Amino acid sequence: MVKDGKRAIRLAKRVLKGRRAYFAVRDMLAERAPLPEQHFRIGVYFADSDVNIYQMRQWYAPLRELSKRWPVLVLARNAAGARILLEESGLDVAFVPKVTGIEDVVAAQPLDVILYVNQNTRNFQMMRYGHRWHVFINHGESDKMYMTSNQHKAYDAVLVAGEAARARLAKALWDFDVDRRAIPIGRPQADHLTGEPPFEPDARTVVLYAPTWEGDRPAARYGSVVTHGERLVRRLIETGRHRVVYRPHPRSGVVDAEFGAANRRIAQMLAEANRVDPAAQHVVDSSPTLGWQLRLPDIAICDVSAMVYDRLATGRPLMVTRPAAPEAEIDEGGYLSVCEWLDAGRADDIVAELDRVIGDENARERLVTWSTRYFGDTSPGAPTRRFHAAIEMLMERAEEWRARD
């Protein structure tokens, strides 16, 4: 009965939150000029709430750049997600909570390409519409099992980071035409790593600690805040020569309350360290977009997640926490076969571990080699050009098919 009561309270809170978001979105749309008809060539479908908005945030800048060439329209299904998209994305947004709303947009806009950032089951409510390309662009590159889901076959095309992704899909999926359907574009987000840190760089070694969440099943328990996080952050604070940039996953604690509690303790630990020593300038980062957080730190500590590969694209020193959960599935056929692992038992020795990796020239060379394998040409502007070229190819294919009709 207690569990049922708590579940009912959580449900009531979600309903209330959804209602508030709905009315907020309605008011925001009322103040906006109507969307022009027969204007948008590219749609981005997002069916999730604000809890997964991070999946869209990393695409804001590349999509804004793309919209300079082909108008882009985000189709948002959830009110809480739509509200944030309207507030911060800088993109045109259509709020379509019902299927009839999707139908209205499809009738009013020449959407040749629909992009999807995740595998939400509601994607199929959009994929029912033919005479357009449905394209999976994902929300990060990694060697997690998510990256080889058979759901890739549902899309007309998949925009992947590079040759490592193509090889991964070819190995994992039966009868998936990698050469035709998996189009490598690199990491367009790397062309938008802008912004300045909230501190003045000095002699301190800047350490990015970016753990993932606890996962929704045993095989995906990659999170380290409980097993590694508190101990390694405490040791780095104690040295007086490190500055920690802590960027927790926004879903931390959603499934396991222990992860949420550890996350809060780490944040409190850093706040107290800043109070004692204002020059430390440790950061708890929850900003919506990534830029300086990947580019500036002297070294990054990441869990098995897309953050590993976002950092890999910079070619800068990196360590990966080894999951303590024996059920966690790890594909060590790619970069994880040569990465610098941090075992939970070594968390107390983090200072020595970081010094070793930062000074290891062979480790740096491996980073550059694997960065090329995962992302191809990472020179400034190259990923954006490949992204735009892939979209242009899809547009041309769409026009060819329309000519046949």
Protein backbone atom coordinates (compact mmCIF):
# COMPACT_ATOMS: atom_id res chain seq x y z
CA MET A 1 0.00 0.00 0.00
CA VAL A 2 2.88 2.37 0.81
CA LYS A 3 4.45 1.68 -2.60
CA ASP A 4 1.12 2.21 -4.33
CA GLY A 5 0.68 5.49 -2.47
CA LYS A 6 4.12 6.73 -3.47
CA ARG A 7 3.49 5.68 -7.06
CA ALA A 8 0.21 7.59 -7.05
CA ILE A 9 1.93 10.71 -5.72
CA ARG A 10 4.61 10.51 -8.42
CA LEU A 11 1.94 10.07 -11.07
CA ALA A 12 -0.02 13.06 -9.77
CA LYS A 13 3.14 15.20 -9.83
CA ARG A 14 3.86 14.19 -13.41
CA VAL A 15 0.31 15.02 -14.47
CA LEU A 16 0.49 18.42 -12.76
CA LYS A 17 3.87 19.15 -14.32
CA GLY A 18 2.54 18.16 -17.73
CA ARG A 19 -0.50 20.41 -17.38
CA ARG A 20 1.63 23.38 -16.39
CA ALA A 21 3.96 22.77 -19.30
CA TYR A 22 1.03 22.43 -21.70
CA PHE A 23 -0.42 25.82 -20.77
CA ALA A 24 3.03 27.42 -20.86
CA VAL A 25 3.61 26.09 -24.39
CA ARG A 26 0.16 27.23 -25.48
CA ASP A 27 0.92 30.76 -24.29
CA MET A 28 4.35 30.79 -25.95
CA LEU A 29 2.89 29.67 -29.27
CA ALA A 30 0.13 32.29 -29.05
CA GLU A 31 2.79 35.01 -28.87
CA ARG A 32 4.69 33.63 -31.87
CA ALA A 33 3.85 34.33 -35.49
CA PRO A 34 2.32 31.34 -37.33
CA LEU A 35 4.81 29.03 -39.01
CA PRO A 36 5.06 29.67 -42.76
CA GLU A 37 3.49 26.94 -44.87
CA GLN A 38 5.30 24.98 -47.59
CA HIS A 39 8.59 26.16 -46.09
CA PHE A 40 10.34 23.49 -44.02
CA ARG A 41 12.32 20.78 -45.83
CA ILE A 42 13.76 19.06 -42.74
CA GLY A 43 11.91 17.85 -39.66
CA VAL A 44 13.45 16.77 -36.35
CA TYR A 45 11.14 14.49 -34.41
CA PHE A 46 11.35 14.54 -30.60
CA ALA A 47 8.72 12.66 -28.59
CA ASP A 48 10.35 12.86 -25.15
CA SER A 49 9.87 15.07 -22.13
CA ASP A 50 12.43 17.41 -20.60
CA VAL A 51 14.18 14.51 -18.85
CA ASN A 52 15.75 13.52 -22.19
CA ILE A 53 16.22 17.01 -23.59
CA TYR A 54 20.00 16.48 -23.44
CA GLN A 55 19.56 14.30 -26.54
CA MET A 56 18.37 17.34 -28.49
CA ARG A 57 20.66 19.89 -26.88
CA GLN A 58 23.79 18.51 -28.48
CA TRP A 59 22.18 18.99 -31.90
CA TYR A 60 21.06 22.62 -31.41
CA ALA A 61 24.12 24.25 -32.97
CA PRO A 62 24.52 21.85 -35.93
CA LEU A 63 20.80 22.12 -36.71
CA ARG A 64 20.84 25.92 -36.53
CA GLU A 65 23.74 25.88 -38.99
CA LEU A 66 21.90 23.44 -41.24
CA SER A 67 18.78 25.62 -41.18
CA LYS A 68 20.71 28.37 -42.98
CA ARG A 69 20.64 26.11 -46.03
CA TRP A 70 17.45 24.09 -45.52
CA PRO A 71 14.71 25.27 -43.13
CA VAL A 72 14.47 22.98 -40.10
CA LEU A 73 11.33 22.34 -38.01
CA VAL A 74 11.33 20.44 -34.71
CA LEU A 75 8.20 18.36 -34.11
CA ALA A 76 7.77 18.10 -30.32
CA ARG A 77 5.24 15.66 -28.89
CA ASN A 78 5.60 16.29 -25.15
CA ALA A 79 4.70 19.62 -23.52
CA ALA A 80 7.64 19.69 -21.09
CA GLY A 81 10.07 18.93 -23.91
CA ALA A 82 8.41 21.46 -26.22
CA ARG A 83 8.65 24.22 -23.63
CA ILE A 84 12.43 23.83 -23.31
CA LEU A 85 12.88 23.59 -27.06
CA LEU A 86 10.93 26.83 -27.52
CA GLU A 87 12.94 28.54 -24.80
CA GLU A 88 16.47 27.57 -25.72
CA SER A 89 16.95 25.74 -29.03
CA GLY A 90 16.82 28.72 -31.40
CA LEU A 91 14.94 26.48 -33.84
CA ASP A 92 11.39 26.60 -35.16
CA VAL A 93 9.18 24.26 -33.13
CA ALA A 94 5.77 22.71 -33.82
CA PHE A 95 3.96 21.30 -30.80
CA VAL A 96 2.12 18.18 -31.99
CA PRO A 97 0.89 16.20 -28.96
CA LYS A 98 -1.68 14.31 -31.07
CA VAL A 99 -1.26 12.33 -34.28
CA THR A 100 -3.70 14.73 -35.93
CA GLY A 101 -1.17 17.49 -35.28
CA ILE A 102 1.52 15.49 -37.08
CA GLU A 103 -0.85 15.03 -40.00
CA ASP A 104 -1.45 18.78 -40.17
CA VAL A 105 2.29 19.45 -40.30
CA VAL A 106 2.86 16.78 -42.95
CA ALA A 107 0.10 18.34 -45.06
CA ALA A 108 1.44 21.88 -44.63
CA GLN A 109 5.20 21.32 -45.00
CA PRO A 110 7.34 19.69 -47.73
CA LEU A 111 9.33 17.63 -45.24
CA ASP A 112 11.75 15.59 -47.34
CA VAL A 113 13.91 14.41 -44.43
CA ILE A 114 12.89 13.54 -40.86
CA LEU A 115 15.72 13.24 -38.31
CA TYR A 116 15.47 11.20 -35.11
CA VAL A 117 17.83 11.59 -32.14
CA ASN A 118 16.68 8.53 -30.17
CA GLN A 119 14.76 5.26 -30.37
CA ASN A 120 11.54 6.31 -28.63
CA THR A 121 8.75 3.89 -29.51
CA ARG A 122 6.58 6.87 -30.50
CA ASN A 123 8.94 7.43 -33.43
CA PHE A 124 6.76 4.96 -35.31
CA GLN A 125 3.86 7.40 -35.22
CA MET A 126 5.96 9.64 -37.46
CA MET A 127 7.60 6.90 -39.51
CA ARG A 128 4.23 5.81 -40.88
CA TYR A 129 4.42 8.65 -43.44
CA GLY A 130 6.03 7.76 -46.75
CA HIS A 131 7.41 9.99 -49.52
CA ARG A 132 10.19 11.25 -47.25
CA TRP A 133 13.40 9.88 -45.75
CA HIS A 134 13.42 8.83 -42.10
CA VAL A 135 16.95 9.20 -40.77
CA PHE A 136 18.44 8.22 -37.41
CA ILE A 137 21.14 10.64 -36.22
CA ASN A 138 21.45 9.40 -32.61
CA HIS A 139 22.57 11.52 -29.65
CA GLY A 140 26.21 10.51 -29.42
CA GLU A 141 28.83 8.01 -30.51
CA SER A 142 29.86 5.15 -28.22
CA ASP A 143 30.47 1.42 -28.02
CA LYS A 144 27.42 0.79 -25.86
CA MET A 145 24.99 -1.91 -26.97
CA TYR A 146 22.50 0.87 -27.82
CA MET A 147 24.66 1.65 -30.84
CA THR A 148 23.98 -1.75 -32.44
CA SER A 149 20.24 -2.02 -31.82
CA ASN A 150 18.33 -3.82 -34.56
CA GLN A 151 16.07 -0.76 -34.54
CA HIS A 152 18.57 0.84 -36.93
CA LYS A 153 16.87 -1.19 -39.67
CA ALA A 154 13.66 0.78 -39.23
CA TYR A 155 15.22 3.88 -40.81
CA ASP A 156 15.93 4.66 -44.43
CA ALA A 157 19.39 5.90 -43.48
CA VAL A 158 21.58 6.29 -40.41
CA LEU A 159 24.05 9.14 -40.02
CA VAL A 160 27.00 7.70 -38.08
CA ALA A 161 30.25 9.17 -36.82
CA GLY A 162 32.72 7.15 -38.87
CA GLU A 163 34.18 3.82 -39.90
CA ALA A 164 34.11 2.39 -36.37
CA ALA A 165 30.34 2.79 -36.29
CA ARG A 166 29.93 1.19 -39.70
CA ALA A 167 32.06 -1.77 -38.67
CA ARG A 168 30.10 -2.09 -35.42
CA LEU A 169 26.77 -2.23 -37.27
CA ALA A 170 28.06 -4.63 -39.92
CA LYS A 171 29.21 -7.04 -37.23
CA ALA A 172 26.08 -6.86 -35.07
CA LEU A 173 23.19 -6.76 -37.55
CA TRP A 174 22.09 -9.34 -40.10
CA ASP A 175 21.36 -8.15 -43.62
CA PHE A 176 21.96 -4.46 -42.87
CA ASP A 177 23.40 -2.74 -45.93
CA VAL A 178 26.06 -0.62 -44.21
CA ASP A 179 27.49 0.76 -47.46
CA ARG A 180 24.13 2.14 -48.57
CA ARG A 181 22.37 3.03 -45.32
CA ALA A 182 25.11 4.06 -42.86
CA ILE A 183 26.48 7.45 -43.87
CA PRO A 184 29.58 8.68 -41.97
CA ILE A 185 29.53 12.38 -41.09
CA GLY A 186 31.96 12.70 -38.17
CA ARG A 187 30.88 14.75 -35.17
CA PRO A 188 29.34 18.08 -36.32
CA GLN A 189 29.09 19.18 -32.68
CA ALA A 190 32.91 19.40 -32.62
CA ASP A 191 32.67 22.48 -34.85
CA HIS A 192 30.70 24.26 -32.12
CA LEU A 193 32.80 23.73 -28.97
CA THR A 194 32.52 27.35 -27.96
CA GLY A 195 31.98 29.22 -24.74
CA GLU A 196 34.23 30.26 -21.89
CA PRO A 197 34.63 28.58 -18.49
CA PRO A 198 33.27 30.23 -15.33
CA PHE A 199 36.82 30.56 -13.97
CA GLU A 200 40.12 32.10 -14.97
CA PRO A 201 42.55 29.35 -16.05
CA ASP A 202 45.65 29.19 -13.88
CA ALA A 203 48.30 26.66 -12.83
CA ARG A 204 45.74 24.15 -11.55
CA THR A 205 45.17 20.96 -13.52
CA VAL A 206 41.58 21.01 -14.76
CA VAL A 207 39.86 17.63 -14.51
CA LEU A 208 36.50 16.98 -16.19
CA TYR A 209 34.56 14.25 -14.39
CA ALA A 210 31.49 13.37 -16.48
CA PRO A 211 29.79 10.19 -15.27
CA THR A 212 26.72 8.67 -16.85
CA TRP A 213 23.55 7.63 -15.04
CA GLU A 214 22.82 4.27 -13.43
CA GLY A 215 21.11 2.77 -16.48
CA ASP A 216 17.70 1.14 -16.74
CA ARG A 217 18.90 -2.50 -16.69
CA PRO A 218 21.88 -4.48 -15.32
CA ALA A 219 23.64 -4.72 -18.70
CA ALA A 220 23.74 -0.90 -18.88
CA ARG A 221 25.04 -0.17 -15.36
CA TYR A 222 27.97 1.97 -16.47
CA GLY A 223 27.55 4.78 -13.93
CA SER A 224 30.44 5.46 -11.53
CA VAL A 225 29.25 8.12 -9.08
CA VAL A 226 28.73 5.52 -6.35
CA THR A 227 31.70 3.23 -7.06
CA HIS A 228 34.36 5.77 -8.09
CA GLY A 229 33.01 9.30 -7.94
CA GLU A 230 32.97 10.40 -4.33
CA ARG A 231 36.42 9.01 -3.58
CA LEU A 232 38.16 10.44 -6.64
CA VAL A 233 36.59 13.88 -6.23
CA ARG A 234 37.57 13.96 -2.54
CA ARG A 235 41.21 13.13 -3.40
CA LEU A 236 41.37 15.79 -6.12
CA ILE A 237 39.98 18.41 -3.75
CA GLU A 238 42.61 17.51 -1.15
CA THR A 239 45.59 18.15 -3.45
CA GLY A 240 44.98 21.87 -3.82
CA ARG A 241 46.41 21.68 -7.35
CA HIS A 242 43.39 20.34 -9.20
CA ARG A 243 40.19 22.01 -10.35
CA VAL A 244 37.24 19.64 -10.81
CA VAL A 245 34.60 20.28 -13.45
CA TYR A 246 31.82 17.90 -12.44
CA ARG A 247 29.18 17.30 -15.09
CA PRO A 248 26.67 14.71 -13.83
CA HIS A 249 24.23 13.02 -16.17
CA PRO A 250 20.79 14.69 -15.98
CA ARG A 251 19.14 11.32 -15.32
CA SER A 252 21.29 10.51 -12.27
CA GLY A 253 19.06 8.96 -9.61
CA VAL A 254 16.02 8.44 -11.85
CA VAL A 255 16.13 4.67 -11.34
CA ASP A 256 18.41 4.23 -8.32
CA ALA A 257 18.10 6.71 -5.45
CA GLU A 258 21.62 5.85 -4.30
CA PHE A 259 23.02 7.39 -7.46
CA GLY A 260 21.04 10.56 -6.93
CA ALA A 261 22.27 10.80 -3.33
CA ALA A 262 25.91 10.29 -4.38
CA ASN A 263 25.50 12.95 -7.04
CA ARG A 264 24.22 15.44 -4.48
CA ARG A 265 27.06 14.62 -2.07
CA ILE A 266 29.67 15.25 -4.76
CA ALA A 267 28.08 18.61 -5.60
CA GLN A 268 28.00 19.54 -1.89
CA MET A 269 31.61 18.44 -1.49
CA LEU A 270 32.72 20.78 -4.30
CA ALA A 271 30.63 23.67 -2.97
CA GLU A 272 32.22 23.27 0.48
CA ALA A 273 35.71 23.13 -1.07
CA ASN A 274 35.01 26.42 -2.88
CA ARG A 275 33.83 27.97 0.38
CA VAL A 276 37.01 26.94 2.17
CA ASP A 277 39.27 27.93 -0.73
CA PRO A 278 37.62 30.40 -3.15
CA ALA A 279 40.63 30.12 -5.48
CA ALA A 280 39.79 26.46 -6.15
CA GLN A 281 36.84 27.42 -8.38
CA HIS A 282 35.53 23.89 -8.76
CA VAL A 283 32.51 23.70 -11.07
CA VAL A 284 29.29 21.70 -10.98
CA ASP A 285 28.22 22.05 -14.58
CA SER A 286 24.64 21.61 -15.79
CA SER A 287 24.73 23.97 -18.76
CA PRO A 288 22.57 22.81 -21.68
CA THR A 289 25.36 22.61 -24.25
CA LEU A 290 28.92 21.29 -24.35
CA GLY A 291 31.84 23.41 -25.49
CA TRP A 292 34.67 24.50 -23.25
CA GLN A 293 33.91 21.51 -20.98
CA LEU A 294 35.32 19.17 -23.65
CA ARG A 295 37.94 21.45 -25.12
CA LEU A 296 39.63 23.03 -22.10
CA PRO A 297 40.25 20.39 -19.35
CA ASP A 298 43.73 18.90 -19.12
CA ILE A 299 42.20 15.47 -18.70
CA ALA A 300 38.72 13.93 -18.64
CA ILE A 301 37.34 11.04 -16.60
CA CYS A 302 34.25 9.54 -18.24
CA ASP A 303 32.11 6.45 -17.86
CA VAL A 304 31.36 4.12 -20.76
CA SER A 305 29.09 6.53 -22.61
CA ALA A 306 28.98 8.98 -25.49
CA MET A 307 31.06 11.41 -23.39
CA VAL A 308 34.09 9.16 -23.95
CA TYR A 309 33.81 9.66 -27.67
CA ASP A 310 32.95 13.35 -27.48
CA ARG A 311 36.23 13.82 -25.62
CA LEU A 312 38.05 11.39 -27.95
CA ALA A 313 37.18 13.68 -30.86
CA THR A 314 39.34 16.41 -29.27
CA GLY A 315 42.44 14.20 -29.07
CA ARG A 316 43.01 15.29 -25.45
CA PRO A 317 43.96 13.02 -22.47
CA LEU A 318 41.17 10.74 -21.28
CA MET A 319 40.44 8.01 -18.73
CA VAL A 320 37.44 5.67 -18.67
CA THR A 321 35.96 4.26 -15.47
CA ARG A 322 35.63 0.50 -15.56
CA PRO A 323 32.08 -0.48 -14.50
CA ALA A 324 32.03 -2.27 -11.17
CA ALA A 325 28.78 -4.09 -12.02
CA PRO A 326 29.71 -7.54 -13.43
CA GLU A 327 26.55 -7.50 -15.59
CA ALA A 328 27.60 -4.35 -17.49
CA GLU A 329 28.27 -5.20 -21.13
CA ILE A 330 31.49 -3.74 -22.51
CA ASP A 331 32.49 -3.93 -26.16
CA GLU A 332 36.28 -3.99 -26.00
CA GLY A 333 36.68 -4.42 -29.72
CA GLY A 334 37.09 -0.68 -30.33
CA TYR A 335 38.68 2.18 -28.41
CA LEU A 336 37.83 0.50 -25.10
CA SER A 337 40.40 -2.19 -25.99
CA VAL A 338 43.22 0.36 -25.67
CA CYS A 339 41.79 3.08 -23.43
CA GLU A 340 43.17 4.10 -20.04
CA TRP A 341 40.88 2.31 -17.59
CA LEU A 342 40.25 3.50 -14.05
CA ASP A 343 39.18 0.62 -11.82
CA ALA A 344 37.11 1.34 -8.74
CA GLY A 345 39.96 -0.01 -6.59
CA ARG A 346 42.25 2.72 -7.96
CA ALA A 347 39.91 5.65 -7.28
CA ASP A 348 41.88 6.60 -4.16
CA ASP A 349 45.05 6.73 -6.31
CA ILE A 350 43.50 9.06 -8.85
CA VAL A 351 46.21 11.71 -8.55
CA ALA A 352 48.98 9.32 -9.57
CA GLU A 353 46.78 7.85 -12.30
CA LEU A 354 46.08 11.26 -13.82
CA ASP A 355 49.73 12.31 -13.70
CA ARG A 356 50.70 9.09 -15.48
CA VAL A 357 48.16 9.48 -18.28
CA ILE A 358 48.78 13.19 -18.84
CA GLY A 359 52.49 12.54 -19.29
CA ASP A 360 52.14 9.46 -21.52
CA GLU A 361 52.99 10.36 -25.14
CA ASN A 362 52.03 6.88 -26.37
CA ALA A 363 48.56 7.37 -24.88
CA ARG A 364 48.25 10.66 -26.78
CA GLU A 365 49.21 8.98 -30.04
CA ARG A 366 46.61 6.27 -29.49
CA LEU A 367 43.98 8.96 -28.90
CA VAL A 368 44.72 10.61 -32.23
CA THR A 369 44.72 7.29 -34.11
CA TRP A 370 41.40 6.18 -32.63
CA SER A 371 39.86 9.60 -33.02
CA THR A 372 40.43 9.31 -36.76
CA ARG A 373 38.93 5.83 -36.84
CA TYR A 374 35.80 6.95 -35.02
CA PHE A 375 35.29 10.40 -36.56
CA GLY A 376 37.36 10.66 -39.73
CA ASP A 377 38.61 14.14 -40.54
CA THR A 378 38.24 16.23 -37.37
CA SER A 379 39.78 19.41 -38.75
CA PRO A 380 37.63 22.52 -38.14
CA GLY A 381 34.61 22.61 -40.43
CA ALA A 382 35.07 19.12 -41.88
CA PRO A 383 32.29 17.40 -39.87
CA THR A 384 29.80 20.14 -40.72
CA ARG A 385 30.60 19.83 -44.41
CA ARG A 386 30.05 16.07 -44.27
CA PHE A 387 26.77 16.50 -42.38
CA HIS A 388 25.49 18.99 -44.96
CA ALA A 389 26.69 16.78 -47.83
CA ALA A 390 24.74 13.83 -46.41
CA ILE A 391 21.57 15.92 -46.14
CA GLU A 392 22.05 17.26 -49.65
CA MET A 393 22.39 13.71 -50.99
CA LEU A 394 19.14 12.75 -49.27
CA MET A 395 17.43 15.83 -50.69
CA GLU A 396 18.58 14.90 -54.18
CA ARG A 397 17.29 11.37 -53.72
CA ALA A 398 13.96 12.76 -52.56
CA GLU A 399 13.69 14.91 -55.67
CA GLU A 400 14.53 11.92 -57.87
CA TRP A 401 11.72 9.92 -56.31
CA ARG A 402 9.27 12.80 -56.56
CA ALA A 403 10.07 13.04 -60.26
CA ARG A 404 9.00 9.41 -60.66
CA ASP A 405 5.60 10.00 -59.04
